[in-house]
mmCIF file of all heavy atoms, coordinates in Angstrom:
data_MODEL
# 
_entry.id   MODEL 
# 
loop_
_atom_site.group_PDB 
_atom_site.id 
_atom_site.type_symbol 
_atom_site.label_atom_id 
_atom_site.label_alt_id 
_atom_site.label_comp_id 
_atom_site.label_asym_id 
_atom_site.label_entity_id 
_atom_site.label_seq_id 
_atom_site.pdbx_PDB_ins_code 
_atom_site.Cartn_x 
_atom_site.Cartn_y 
_atom_site.Cartn_z 
_atom_site.occupancy 
_atom_site.B_iso_or_equiv 
_atom_site.pdbx_formal_charge 
_atom_site.auth_seq_id 
_atom_site.auth_comp_id 
_atom_site.auth_asym_id 
_atom_site.auth_atom_id 
_atom_site.pdbx_PDB_model_num 
ATOM 1   N N   . TYR A 1 1  ? 1.084  -13.526 2.316   1.00 0.00 ? 1  TYR A N   1 
ATOM 2   C CA  . TYR A 1 1  ? 0.268  -12.363 2.668   1.00 0.00 ? 1  TYR A CA  1 
ATOM 3   C C   . TYR A 1 1  ? 1.132  -11.109 2.776   1.00 0.00 ? 1  TYR A C   1 
ATOM 4   O O   . TYR A 1 1  ? 0.858  -10.091 2.128   1.00 0.00 ? 1  TYR A O   1 
ATOM 5   C CB  . TYR A 1 1  ? -0.472 -12.609 3.986   1.00 0.00 ? 1  TYR A CB  1 
ATOM 6   C CG  . TYR A 1 1  ? -1.034 -11.349 4.606   1.00 0.00 ? 1  TYR A CG  1 
ATOM 7   C CD1 . TYR A 1 1  ? -2.043 -10.630 3.976   1.00 0.00 ? 1  TYR A CD1 1 
ATOM 8   C CD2 . TYR A 1 1  ? -0.542 -10.857 5.819   1.00 0.00 ? 1  TYR A CD2 1 
ATOM 9   C CE1 . TYR A 1 1  ? -2.549 -9.460  4.535   1.00 0.00 ? 1  TYR A CE1 1 
ATOM 10  C CE2 . TYR A 1 1  ? -1.047 -9.694  6.388   1.00 0.00 ? 1  TYR A CE2 1 
ATOM 11  C CZ  . TYR A 1 1  ? -2.043 -9.007  5.738   1.00 0.00 ? 1  TYR A CZ  1 
ATOM 12  O OH  . TYR A 1 1  ? -2.532 -7.854  6.283   1.00 0.00 ? 1  TYR A OH  1 
ATOM 13  N N   . ILE A 1 2  ? 2.164  -11.173 3.602   1.00 0.00 ? 2  ILE A N   1 
ATOM 14  C CA  . ILE A 1 2  ? 3.033  -10.009 3.795   1.00 0.00 ? 2  ILE A CA  1 
ATOM 15  C C   . ILE A 1 2  ? 3.722  -9.630  2.488   1.00 0.00 ? 2  ILE A C   1 
ATOM 16  O O   . ILE A 1 2  ? 3.814  -8.444  2.136   1.00 0.00 ? 2  ILE A O   1 
ATOM 17  C CB  . ILE A 1 2  ? 4.092  -10.303 4.883   1.00 0.00 ? 2  ILE A CB  1 
ATOM 18  C CG1 . ILE A 1 2  ? 3.414  -10.625 6.228   1.00 0.00 ? 2  ILE A CG1 1 
ATOM 19  C CG2 . ILE A 1 2  ? 5.035  -9.120  5.045   1.00 0.00 ? 2  ILE A CG2 1 
ATOM 20  C CD1 . ILE A 1 2  ? 2.661  -9.495  6.845   1.00 0.00 ? 2  ILE A CD1 1 
ATOM 21  N N   . TYR A 1 3  ? 4.197  -10.629 1.757   1.00 0.00 ? 3  TYR A N   1 
ATOM 22  C CA  . TYR A 1 3  ? 4.893  -10.374 0.494   1.00 0.00 ? 3  TYR A CA  1 
ATOM 23  C C   . TYR A 1 3  ? 3.977  -9.653  -0.494  1.00 0.00 ? 3  TYR A C   1 
ATOM 24  O O   . TYR A 1 3  ? 4.373  -8.658  -1.120  1.00 0.00 ? 3  TYR A O   1 
ATOM 25  C CB  . TYR A 1 3  ? 5.369  -11.699 -0.086  1.00 0.00 ? 3  TYR A CB  1 
ATOM 26  C CG  . TYR A 1 3  ? 6.099  -11.577 -1.399  1.00 0.00 ? 3  TYR A CG  1 
ATOM 27  C CD1 . TYR A 1 3  ? 7.343  -10.959 -1.473  1.00 0.00 ? 3  TYR A CD1 1 
ATOM 28  C CD2 . TYR A 1 3  ? 5.552  -12.096 -2.572  1.00 0.00 ? 3  TYR A CD2 1 
ATOM 29  C CE1 . TYR A 1 3  ? 8.027  -10.854 -2.689  1.00 0.00 ? 3  TYR A CE1 1 
ATOM 30  C CE2 . TYR A 1 3  ? 6.224  -11.998 -3.784  1.00 0.00 ? 3  TYR A CE2 1 
ATOM 31  C CZ  . TYR A 1 3  ? 7.445  -11.374 -3.835  1.00 0.00 ? 3  TYR A CZ  1 
ATOM 32  O OH  . TYR A 1 3  ? 8.119  -11.275 -5.032  1.00 0.00 ? 3  TYR A OH  1 
ATOM 33  N N   . SER A 1 4  ? 2.737  -10.142 -0.620  1.00 0.00 ? 4  SER A N   1 
ATOM 34  C CA  . SER A 1 4  ? 1.814  -9.536  -1.582  1.00 0.00 ? 4  SER A CA  1 
ATOM 35  C C   . SER A 1 4  ? 1.386  -8.129  -1.145  1.00 0.00 ? 4  SER A C   1 
ATOM 36  O O   . SER A 1 4  ? 1.140  -7.261  -1.988  1.00 0.00 ? 4  SER A O   1 
ATOM 37  C CB  . SER A 1 4  ? 0.582  -10.432 -1.787  1.00 0.00 ? 4  SER A CB  1 
ATOM 38  O OG  . SER A 1 4  ? -0.115 -10.628 -0.566  1.00 0.00 ? 4  SER A OG  1 
ATOM 39  N N   . LYS A 1 5  ? 1.320  -7.885  0.166   1.00 0.00 ? 5  LYS A N   1 
ATOM 40  C CA  . LYS A 1 5  ? 0.996  -6.533  0.640   1.00 0.00 ? 5  LYS A CA  1 
ATOM 41  C C   . LYS A 1 5  ? 2.156  -5.576  0.340   1.00 0.00 ? 5  LYS A C   1 
ATOM 42  O O   . LYS A 1 5  ? 1.921  -4.396  0.036   1.00 0.00 ? 5  LYS A O   1 
ATOM 43  C CB  . LYS A 1 5  ? 0.688  -6.547  2.134   1.00 0.00 ? 5  LYS A CB  1 
ATOM 44  C CG  . LYS A 1 5  ? -0.587 -7.293  2.505   1.00 0.00 ? 5  LYS A CG  1 
ATOM 45  C CD  . LYS A 1 5  ? -1.825 -6.731  1.841   1.00 0.00 ? 5  LYS A CD  1 
ATOM 46  C CE  . LYS A 1 5  ? -2.330 -5.478  2.510   1.00 0.00 ? 5  LYS A CE  1 
ATOM 47  N NZ  . LYS A 1 5  ? -3.607 -5.005  1.900   1.00 0.00 ? 5  LYS A NZ  1 
ATOM 48  N N   . ALA A 1 6  ? 3.382  -6.072  0.422   1.00 0.00 ? 6  ALA A N   1 
ATOM 49  C CA  . ALA A 1 6  ? 4.539  -5.246  0.049   1.00 0.00 ? 6  ALA A CA  1 
ATOM 50  C C   . ALA A 1 6  ? 4.491  -4.918  -1.444  1.00 0.00 ? 6  ALA A C   1 
ATOM 51  O O   . ALA A 1 6  ? 4.778  -3.782  -1.854  1.00 0.00 ? 6  ALA A O   1 
ATOM 52  C CB  . ALA A 1 6  ? 5.834  -5.962  0.398   1.00 0.00 ? 6  ALA A CB  1 
ATOM 53  N N   . LEU A 1 7  ? 4.100  -5.901  -2.248  1.00 0.00 ? 7  LEU A N   1 
ATOM 54  C CA  . LEU A 1 7  ? 3.952  -5.670  -3.688  1.00 0.00 ? 7  LEU A CA  1 
ATOM 55  C C   . LEU A 1 7  ? 2.817  -4.676  -3.961  1.00 0.00 ? 7  LEU A C   1 
ATOM 56  O O   . LEU A 1 7  ? 2.906  -3.854  -4.875  1.00 0.00 ? 7  LEU A O   1 
ATOM 57  C CB  . LEU A 1 7  ? 3.659  -6.991  -4.414  1.00 0.00 ? 7  LEU A CB  1 
ATOM 58  C CG  . LEU A 1 7  ? 4.817  -7.979  -4.546  1.00 0.00 ? 7  LEU A CG  1 
ATOM 59  C CD1 . LEU A 1 7  ? 4.317  -9.296  -5.124  1.00 0.00 ? 7  LEU A CD1 1 
ATOM 60  C CD2 . LEU A 1 7  ? 5.932  -7.406  -5.421  1.00 0.00 ? 7  LEU A CD2 1 
ATOM 61  N N   . GLY A 1 8  ? 1.775  -4.742  -3.155  1.00 0.00 ? 8  GLY A N   1 
ATOM 62  C CA  . GLY A 1 8  ? 0.663  -3.798  -3.297  1.00 0.00 ? 8  GLY A CA  1 
ATOM 63  C C   . GLY A 1 8  ? 1.113  -2.366  -3.078  1.00 0.00 ? 8  GLY A C   1 
ATOM 64  O O   . GLY A 1 8  ? 0.684  -1.450  -3.786  1.00 0.00 ? 8  GLY A O   1 
ATOM 65  N N   . GLU A 1 9  ? 1.985  -2.160  -2.103  1.00 0.00 ? 9  GLU A N   1 
ATOM 66  C CA  . GLU A 1 9  ? 2.524  -0.821  -1.866  1.00 0.00 ? 9  GLU A CA  1 
ATOM 67  C C   . GLU A 1 9  ? 3.382  -0.362  -3.045  1.00 0.00 ? 9  GLU A C   1 
ATOM 68  O O   . GLU A 1 9  ? 3.384  0.809   -3.413  1.00 0.00 ? 9  GLU A O   1 
ATOM 69  C CB  . GLU A 1 9  ? 3.334  -0.803  -0.570  1.00 0.00 ? 9  GLU A CB  1 
ATOM 70  C CG  . GLU A 1 9  ? 2.493  -0.939  0.682   1.00 0.00 ? 9  GLU A CG  1 
ATOM 71  C CD  . GLU A 1 9  ? 3.239  -0.546  1.950   1.00 0.00 ? 9  GLU A CD  1 
ATOM 72  O OE1 . GLU A 1 9  ? 4.355  0.008   1.827   1.00 0.00 ? 9  GLU A OE1 1 
ATOM 73  O OE2 . GLU A 1 9  ? 2.706  -0.768  3.052   1.00 0.00 ? 9  GLU A OE2 1 
ATOM 74  N N   . ASN A 1 10 ? 4.104  -1.309  -3.632  1.00 0.00 ? 10 ASN A N   1 
ATOM 75  C CA  . ASN A 1 10 ? 4.897  -0.994  -4.814  1.00 0.00 ? 10 ASN A CA  1 
ATOM 76  C C   . ASN A 1 10 ? 3.993  -0.558  -5.964  1.00 0.00 ? 10 ASN A C   1 
ATOM 77  O O   . ASN A 1 10 ? 4.312  0.380   -6.706  1.00 0.00 ? 10 ASN A O   1 
ATOM 78  C CB  . ASN A 1 10 ? 5.727  -2.221  -5.220  1.00 0.00 ? 10 ASN A CB  1 
ATOM 79  C CG  . ASN A 1 10 ? 6.552  -1.988  -6.477  1.00 0.00 ? 10 ASN A CG  1 
ATOM 80  O OD1 . ASN A 1 10 ? 6.126  -2.334  -7.574  1.00 0.00 ? 10 ASN A OD1 1 
ATOM 81  N ND2 . ASN A 1 10 ? 7.715  -1.392  -6.314  1.00 0.00 ? 10 ASN A ND2 1 
ATOM 82  N N   . MET A 1 11 ? 2.843  -1.199  -6.076  1.00 0.00 ? 11 MET A N   1 
ATOM 83  C CA  . MET A 1 11 ? 1.885  -0.843  -7.124  1.00 0.00 ? 11 MET A CA  1 
ATOM 84  C C   . MET A 1 11 ? 1.334  0.562   -6.892  1.00 0.00 ? 11 MET A C   1 
ATOM 85  O O   . MET A 1 11 ? 1.126  1.327   -7.845  1.00 0.00 ? 11 MET A O   1 
ATOM 86  C CB  . MET A 1 11 ? 0.751  -1.874  -7.144  1.00 0.00 ? 11 MET A CB  1 
ATOM 87  C CG  . MET A 1 11 ? -0.087 -1.853  -8.394  1.00 0.00 ? 11 MET A CG  1 
ATOM 88  S SD  . MET A 1 11 ? 0.848  -2.290  -9.897  1.00 0.00 ? 11 MET A SD  1 
ATOM 89  C CE  . MET A 1 11 ? 0.828  -4.075  -9.827  1.00 0.00 ? 11 MET A CE  1 
ATOM 90  N N   . ILE A 1 12 ? 1.084  0.912   -5.649  1.00 0.00 ? 12 ILE A N   1 
ATOM 91  C CA  . ILE A 1 12 ? 0.620  2.266   -5.307  1.00 0.00 ? 12 ILE A CA  1 
ATOM 92  C C   . ILE A 1 12 ? 1.642  3.303   -5.776  1.00 0.00 ? 12 ILE A C   1 
ATOM 93  O O   . ILE A 1 12 ? 1.300  4.334   -6.365  1.00 0.00 ? 12 ILE A O   1 
ATOM 94  C CB  . ILE A 1 12 ? 0.409  2.399   -3.783  1.00 0.00 ? 12 ILE A CB  1 
ATOM 95  C CG1 . ILE A 1 12 ? -0.748 1.523   -3.306  1.00 0.00 ? 12 ILE A CG1 1 
ATOM 96  C CG2 . ILE A 1 12 ? 0.174  3.863   -3.386  1.00 0.00 ? 12 ILE A CG2 1 
ATOM 97  C CD1 . ILE A 1 12 ? -2.110 1.992   -3.714  1.00 0.00 ? 12 ILE A CD1 1 
ATOM 98  N N   . LEU A 1 13 ? 2.900  3.025   -5.533  1.00 0.00 ? 13 LEU A N   1 
ATOM 99  C CA  . LEU A 1 13 ? 3.967  3.950   -5.902  1.00 0.00 ? 13 LEU A CA  1 
ATOM 100 C C   . LEU A 1 13 ? 4.052  4.125   -7.418  1.00 0.00 ? 13 LEU A C   1 
ATOM 101 O O   . LEU A 1 13 ? 4.298  5.219   -7.922  1.00 0.00 ? 13 LEU A O   1 
ATOM 102 C CB  . LEU A 1 13 ? 5.303  3.424   -5.352  1.00 0.00 ? 13 LEU A CB  1 
ATOM 103 C CG  . LEU A 1 13 ? 6.425  4.429   -5.105  1.00 0.00 ? 13 LEU A CG  1 
ATOM 104 C CD1 . LEU A 1 13 ? 5.985  5.554   -4.189  1.00 0.00 ? 13 LEU A CD1 1 
ATOM 105 C CD2 . LEU A 1 13 ? 7.640  3.716   -4.510  1.00 0.00 ? 13 LEU A CD2 1 
ATOM 106 N N   . LYS A 1 14 ? 3.801  3.036   -8.154  1.00 0.00 ? 14 LYS A N   1 
ATOM 107 C CA  . LYS A 1 14 ? 3.929  3.071   -9.610  1.00 0.00 ? 14 LYS A CA  1 
ATOM 108 C C   . LYS A 1 14 ? 2.768  3.772   -10.308 1.00 0.00 ? 14 LYS A C   1 
ATOM 109 O O   . LYS A 1 14 ? 2.957  4.472   -11.299 1.00 0.00 ? 14 LYS A O   1 
ATOM 110 C CB  . LYS A 1 14 ? 4.025  1.638   -10.159 1.00 0.00 ? 14 LYS A CB  1 
ATOM 111 C CG  . LYS A 1 14 ? 5.348  0.956   -9.932  1.00 0.00 ? 14 LYS A CG  1 
ATOM 112 C CD  . LYS A 1 14 ? 5.445  -0.325  -10.739 1.00 0.00 ? 14 LYS A CD  1 
ATOM 113 C CE  . LYS A 1 14 ? 5.517  -0.044  -12.223 1.00 0.00 ? 14 LYS A CE  1 
ATOM 114 N NZ  . LYS A 1 14 ? 5.705  -1.282  -13.023 1.00 0.00 ? 14 LYS A NZ  1 
ATOM 115 N N   . TYR A 1 15 ? 1.552  3.561   -9.816  1.00 0.00 ? 15 TYR A N   1 
ATOM 116 C CA  . TYR A 1 15 ? 0.372  3.982   -10.568 1.00 0.00 ? 15 TYR A CA  1 
ATOM 117 C C   . TYR A 1 15 ? -0.463 5.071   -9.875  1.00 0.00 ? 15 TYR A C   1 
ATOM 118 O O   . TYR A 1 15 ? -1.604 5.312   -10.250 1.00 0.00 ? 15 TYR A O   1 
ATOM 119 C CB  . TYR A 1 15 ? -0.517 2.772   -10.867 1.00 0.00 ? 15 TYR A CB  1 
ATOM 120 C CG  . TYR A 1 15 ? 0.097  1.842   -11.878 1.00 0.00 ? 15 TYR A CG  1 
ATOM 121 C CD1 . TYR A 1 15 ? 0.828  0.732   -11.468 1.00 0.00 ? 15 TYR A CD1 1 
ATOM 122 C CD2 . TYR A 1 15 ? -0.012 2.084   -13.245 1.00 0.00 ? 15 TYR A CD2 1 
ATOM 123 C CE1 . TYR A 1 15 ? 1.413  -0.132  -12.387 1.00 0.00 ? 15 TYR A CE1 1 
ATOM 124 C CE2 . TYR A 1 15 ? 0.568  1.232   -14.177 1.00 0.00 ? 15 TYR A CE2 1 
ATOM 125 C CZ  . TYR A 1 15 ? 1.279  0.128   -13.739 1.00 0.00 ? 15 TYR A CZ  1 
ATOM 126 O OH  . TYR A 1 15 ? 1.867  -0.715  -14.664 1.00 0.00 ? 15 TYR A OH  1 
ATOM 127 N N   . SER A 1 16 ? 0.106  5.710   -8.884  1.00 0.00 ? 16 SER A N   1 
ATOM 128 C CA  . SER A 1 16 ? -0.646 6.752   -8.181  1.00 0.00 ? 16 SER A CA  1 
ATOM 129 C C   . SER A 1 16 ? -0.800 8.013   -9.015  1.00 0.00 ? 16 SER A C   1 
ATOM 130 O O   . SER A 1 16 ? -1.791 8.746   -8.885  1.00 0.00 ? 16 SER A O   1 
ATOM 131 C CB  . SER A 1 16 ? 0.036  7.094   -6.859  1.00 0.00 ? 16 SER A CB  1 
ATOM 132 O OG  . SER A 1 16 ? 1.361  7.528   -7.092  1.00 0.00 ? 16 SER A OG  1 
ATOM 133 N N   . GLY A 1 17 ? 0.184  8.291   -9.871  1.00 0.00 ? 17 GLY A N   1 
ATOM 134 C CA  . GLY A 1 17 ? 0.116  9.497   -10.695 1.00 0.00 ? 17 GLY A CA  1 
ATOM 135 C C   . GLY A 1 17 ? -0.023 10.743  -9.844  1.00 0.00 ? 17 GLY A C   1 
ATOM 136 O O   . GLY A 1 17 ? 0.710  10.934  -8.876  1.00 0.00 ? 17 GLY A O   1 
ATOM 137 N N   . ASN A 1 18 ? -0.990 11.569  -10.174 1.00 0.00 ? 18 ASN A N   1 
ATOM 138 C CA  . ASN A 1 18 ? -1.244 12.786  -9.393  1.00 0.00 ? 18 ASN A CA  1 
ATOM 139 C C   . ASN A 1 18 ? -2.424 12.635  -8.429  1.00 0.00 ? 18 ASN A C   1 
ATOM 140 O O   . ASN A 1 18 ? -2.936 13.628  -7.911  1.00 0.00 ? 18 ASN A O   1 
ATOM 141 C CB  . ASN A 1 18 ? -1.512 13.962  -10.343 1.00 0.00 ? 18 ASN A CB  1 
ATOM 142 C CG  . ASN A 1 18 ? -0.257 14.345  -11.109 1.00 0.00 ? 18 ASN A CG  1 
ATOM 143 O OD1 . ASN A 1 18 ? 0.838  14.345  -10.554 1.00 0.00 ? 18 ASN A OD1 1 
ATOM 144 N ND2 . ASN A 1 18 ? -0.430 14.663  -12.388 1.00 0.00 ? 18 ASN A ND2 1 
ATOM 145 N N   . LEU A 1 19 ? -2.855 11.397  -8.211  1.00 0.00 ? 19 LEU A N   1 
ATOM 146 C CA  . LEU A 1 19 ? -3.984 11.178  -7.313  1.00 0.00 ? 19 LEU A CA  1 
ATOM 147 C C   . LEU A 1 19 ? -3.642 11.583  -5.876  1.00 0.00 ? 19 LEU A C   1 
ATOM 148 O O   . LEU A 1 19 ? -2.540 11.319  -5.403  1.00 0.00 ? 19 LEU A O   1 
ATOM 149 C CB  . LEU A 1 19 ? -4.372 9.691   -7.300  1.00 0.00 ? 19 LEU A CB  1 
ATOM 150 C CG  . LEU A 1 19 ? -5.051 9.091   -8.531  1.00 0.00 ? 19 LEU A CG  1 
ATOM 151 C CD1 . LEU A 1 19 ? -5.215 7.592   -8.326  1.00 0.00 ? 19 LEU A CD1 1 
ATOM 152 C CD2 . LEU A 1 19 ? -6.413 9.742   -8.762  1.00 0.00 ? 19 LEU A CD2 1 
ATOM 153 N N   . PRO A 1 20 ? -4.590 12.190  -5.174  1.00 0.00 ? 20 PRO A N   1 
ATOM 154 C CA  . PRO A 1 20 ? -4.423 12.326  -3.722  1.00 0.00 ? 20 PRO A CA  1 
ATOM 155 C C   . PRO A 1 20 ? -4.560 10.913  -3.130  1.00 0.00 ? 20 PRO A C   1 
ATOM 156 O O   . PRO A 1 20 ? -5.633 10.309  -3.225  1.00 0.00 ? 20 PRO A O   1 
ATOM 157 C CB  . PRO A 1 20 ? -5.580 13.221  -3.301  1.00 0.00 ? 20 PRO A CB  1 
ATOM 158 C CG  . PRO A 1 20 ? -6.093 13.825  -4.571  1.00 0.00 ? 20 PRO A CG  1 
ATOM 159 C CD  . PRO A 1 20 ? -5.811 12.837  -5.645  1.00 0.00 ? 20 PRO A CD  1 
ATOM 160 N N   . ILE A 1 21 ? -3.508 10.396  -2.574  1.00 0.00 ? 21 ILE A N   1 
ATOM 161 C CA  . ILE A 1 21 ? -3.507 8.998   -2.150  1.00 0.00 ? 21 ILE A CA  1 
ATOM 162 C C   . ILE A 1 21 ? -2.623 8.814   -0.928  1.00 0.00 ? 21 ILE A C   1 
ATOM 163 O O   . ILE A 1 21 ? -1.623 9.530   -0.756  1.00 0.00 ? 21 ILE A O   1 
ATOM 164 C CB  . ILE A 1 21 ? -3.030 8.087   -3.318  1.00 0.00 ? 21 ILE A CB  1 
ATOM 165 C CG1 . ILE A 1 21 ? -3.171 6.610   -2.967  1.00 0.00 ? 21 ILE A CG1 1 
ATOM 166 C CG2 . ILE A 1 21 ? -1.620 8.416   -3.741  1.00 0.00 ? 21 ILE A CG2 1 
ATOM 167 C CD1 . ILE A 1 21 ? -2.996 5.695   -4.174  1.00 0.00 ? 21 ILE A CD1 1 
ATOM 168 N N   . CYS A 1 22 ? -2.990 7.881   -0.079  1.00 0.00 ? 22 CYS A N   1 
ATOM 169 C CA  . CYS A 1 22 ? -2.180 7.584   1.101   1.00 0.00 ? 22 CYS A CA  1 
ATOM 170 C C   . CYS A 1 22 ? -2.246 6.084   1.396   1.00 0.00 ? 22 CYS A C   1 
ATOM 171 O O   . CYS A 1 22 ? -3.094 5.360   0.858   1.00 0.00 ? 22 CYS A O   1 
ATOM 172 C CB  . CYS A 1 22 ? -2.641 8.376   2.312   1.00 0.00 ? 22 CYS A CB  1 
ATOM 173 S SG  . CYS A 1 22 ? -4.257 7.876   2.946   1.00 0.00 ? 22 CYS A SG  1 
ATOM 174 N N   . ILE A 1 23 ? -1.345 5.648   2.249   1.00 0.00 ? 23 ILE A N   1 
ATOM 175 C CA  . ILE A 1 23 ? -1.305 4.251   2.689   1.00 0.00 ? 23 ILE A CA  1 
ATOM 176 C C   . ILE A 1 23 ? -1.437 4.228   4.209   1.00 0.00 ? 23 ILE A C   1 
ATOM 177 O O   . ILE A 1 23 ? -0.713 4.947   4.907   1.00 0.00 ? 23 ILE A O   1 
ATOM 178 C CB  . ILE A 1 23 ? 0.011  3.565   2.264   1.00 0.00 ? 23 ILE A CB  1 
ATOM 179 C CG1 . ILE A 1 23 ? 0.118  3.498   0.740   1.00 0.00 ? 23 ILE A CG1 1 
ATOM 180 C CG2 . ILE A 1 23 ? 0.112  2.163   2.873   1.00 0.00 ? 23 ILE A CG2 1 
ATOM 181 C CD1 . ILE A 1 23 ? 1.467  2.984   0.241   1.00 0.00 ? 23 ILE A CD1 1 
ATOM 182 N N   . VAL A 1 24 ? -2.357 3.427   4.694   1.00 0.00 ? 24 VAL A N   1 
ATOM 183 C CA  . VAL A 1 24 ? -2.496 3.217   6.142   1.00 0.00 ? 24 VAL A CA  1 
ATOM 184 C C   . VAL A 1 24 ? -2.006 1.815   6.459   1.00 0.00 ? 24 VAL A C   1 
ATOM 185 O O   . VAL A 1 24 ? -2.468 0.844   5.852   1.00 0.00 ? 24 VAL A O   1 
ATOM 186 C CB  . VAL A 1 24 ? -3.955 3.389   6.612   1.00 0.00 ? 24 VAL A CB  1 
ATOM 187 C CG1 . VAL A 1 24 ? -4.057 3.140   8.116   1.00 0.00 ? 24 VAL A CG1 1 
ATOM 188 C CG2 . VAL A 1 24 ? -4.457 4.783   6.274   1.00 0.00 ? 24 VAL A CG2 1 
ATOM 189 N N   . ARG A 1 25 ? -1.063 1.729   7.389   1.00 0.00 ? 25 ARG A N   1 
ATOM 190 C CA  . ARG A 1 25 ? -0.477 0.433   7.753   1.00 0.00 ? 25 ARG A CA  1 
ATOM 191 C C   . ARG A 1 25 ? -0.865 0.056   9.196   1.00 0.00 ? 25 ARG A C   1 
ATOM 192 O O   . ARG A 1 25 ? -0.165 0.415   10.132  1.00 0.00 ? 25 ARG A O   1 
ATOM 193 C CB  . ARG A 1 25 ? 1.048  0.491   7.671   1.00 0.00 ? 25 ARG A CB  1 
ATOM 194 C CG  . ARG A 1 25 ? 1.653  0.595   6.292   1.00 0.00 ? 25 ARG A CG  1 
ATOM 195 C CD  . ARG A 1 25 ? 3.157  0.598   6.457   1.00 0.00 ? 25 ARG A CD  1 
ATOM 196 N NE  . ARG A 1 25 ? 3.877  0.768   5.203   1.00 0.00 ? 25 ARG A NE  1 
ATOM 197 C CZ  . ARG A 1 25 ? 5.081  1.321   5.123   1.00 0.00 ? 25 ARG A CZ  1 
ATOM 198 N NH1 . ARG A 1 25 ? 5.674  1.790   6.228   1.00 0.00 ? 25 ARG A NH1 1 
ATOM 199 N NH2 . ARG A 1 25 ? 5.695  1.429   3.957   1.00 0.00 ? 25 ARG A NH2 1 
ATOM 200 N N   . PRO A 1 26 ? -1.943 -0.691  9.367   1.00 0.00 ? 26 PRO A N   1 
ATOM 201 C CA  . PRO A 1 26 ? -2.270 -1.157  10.722  1.00 0.00 ? 26 PRO A CA  1 
ATOM 202 C C   . PRO A 1 26 ? -1.356 -2.325  11.113  1.00 0.00 ? 26 PRO A C   1 
ATOM 203 O O   . PRO A 1 26 ? -0.899 -3.079  10.251  1.00 0.00 ? 26 PRO A O   1 
ATOM 204 C CB  . PRO A 1 26 ? -3.725 -1.633  10.604  1.00 0.00 ? 26 PRO A CB  1 
ATOM 205 C CG  . PRO A 1 26 ? -4.159 -1.279  9.215   1.00 0.00 ? 26 PRO A CG  1 
ATOM 206 C CD  . PRO A 1 26 ? -2.934 -1.112  8.395   1.00 0.00 ? 26 PRO A CD  1 
ATOM 207 N N   . SER A 1 27 ? -1.134 -2.482  12.414  1.00 0.00 ? 27 SER A N   1 
ATOM 208 C CA  . SER A 1 27 ? -0.357 -3.631  12.875  1.00 0.00 ? 27 SER A CA  1 
ATOM 209 C C   . SER A 1 27 ? -1.312 -4.810  13.079  1.00 0.00 ? 27 SER A C   1 
ATOM 210 O O   . SER A 1 27 ? -2.154 -5.065  12.228  1.00 0.00 ? 27 SER A O   1 
ATOM 211 C CB  . SER A 1 27 ? 0.418  -3.273  14.144  1.00 0.00 ? 27 SER A CB  1 
ATOM 212 O OG  . SER A 1 27 ? -0.437 -2.733  15.142  1.00 0.00 ? 27 SER A OG  1 
ATOM 213 N N   . ILE A 1 28 ? -1.232 -5.513  14.197  1.00 0.00 ? 28 ILE A N   1 
ATOM 214 C CA  . ILE A 1 28 ? -2.093 -6.682  14.422  1.00 0.00 ? 28 ILE A CA  1 
ATOM 215 C C   . ILE A 1 28 ? -3.437 -6.179  14.953  1.00 0.00 ? 28 ILE A C   1 
ATOM 216 O O   . ILE A 1 28 ? -3.538 -5.738  16.095  1.00 0.00 ? 28 ILE A O   1 
ATOM 217 C CB  . ILE A 1 28 ? -1.442 -7.657  15.422  1.00 0.00 ? 28 ILE A CB  1 
ATOM 218 C CG1 . ILE A 1 28 ? -0.059 -8.093  14.912  1.00 0.00 ? 28 ILE A CG1 1 
ATOM 219 C CG2 . ILE A 1 28 ? -2.339 -8.868  15.643  1.00 0.00 ? 28 ILE A CG2 1 
ATOM 220 C CD1 . ILE A 1 28 ? 0.745  -8.899  15.926  1.00 0.00 ? 28 ILE A CD1 1 
ATOM 221 N N   . VAL A 1 29 ? -4.452 -6.228  14.113  1.00 0.00 ? 29 VAL A N   1 
ATOM 222 C CA  . VAL A 1 29 ? -5.752 -5.656  14.456  1.00 0.00 ? 29 VAL A CA  1 
ATOM 223 C C   . VAL A 1 29 ? -6.533 -6.634  15.329  1.00 0.00 ? 29 VAL A C   1 
ATOM 224 O O   . VAL A 1 29 ? -6.733 -7.797  14.960  1.00 0.00 ? 29 VAL A O   1 
ATOM 225 C CB  . VAL A 1 29 ? -6.562 -5.312  13.194  1.00 0.00 ? 29 VAL A CB  1 
ATOM 226 C CG1 . VAL A 1 29 ? -7.862 -4.604  13.574  1.00 0.00 ? 29 VAL A CG1 1 
ATOM 227 C CG2 . VAL A 1 29 ? -5.737 -4.449  12.253  1.00 0.00 ? 29 VAL A CG2 1 
ATOM 228 N N   . THR A 1 30 ? -6.983 -6.150  16.472  1.00 0.00 ? 30 THR A N   1 
ATOM 229 C CA  . THR A 1 30 ? -7.735 -6.980  17.406  1.00 0.00 ? 30 THR A CA  1 
ATOM 230 C C   . THR A 1 30 ? -9.132 -6.389  17.616  1.00 0.00 ? 30 THR A C   1 
ATOM 231 O O   . THR A 1 30 ? -9.523 -5.473  16.905  1.00 0.00 ? 30 THR A O   1 
ATOM 232 C CB  . THR A 1 30 ? -6.979 -7.111  18.741  1.00 0.00 ? 30 THR A CB  1 
ATOM 233 O OG1 . THR A 1 30 ? -6.501 -5.818  19.148  1.00 0.00 ? 30 THR A OG1 1 
ATOM 234 C CG2 . THR A 1 30 ? -5.766 -8.022  18.598  1.00 0.00 ? 30 THR A CG2 1 
# 
């Protein structure tokens, strides 16, 4: 899970282009 989420962030960095884009990183959601 954690590994694939890290890869997901890498994908954001690669394919964001000029899009207005952000990443929200929640911790342990209760």
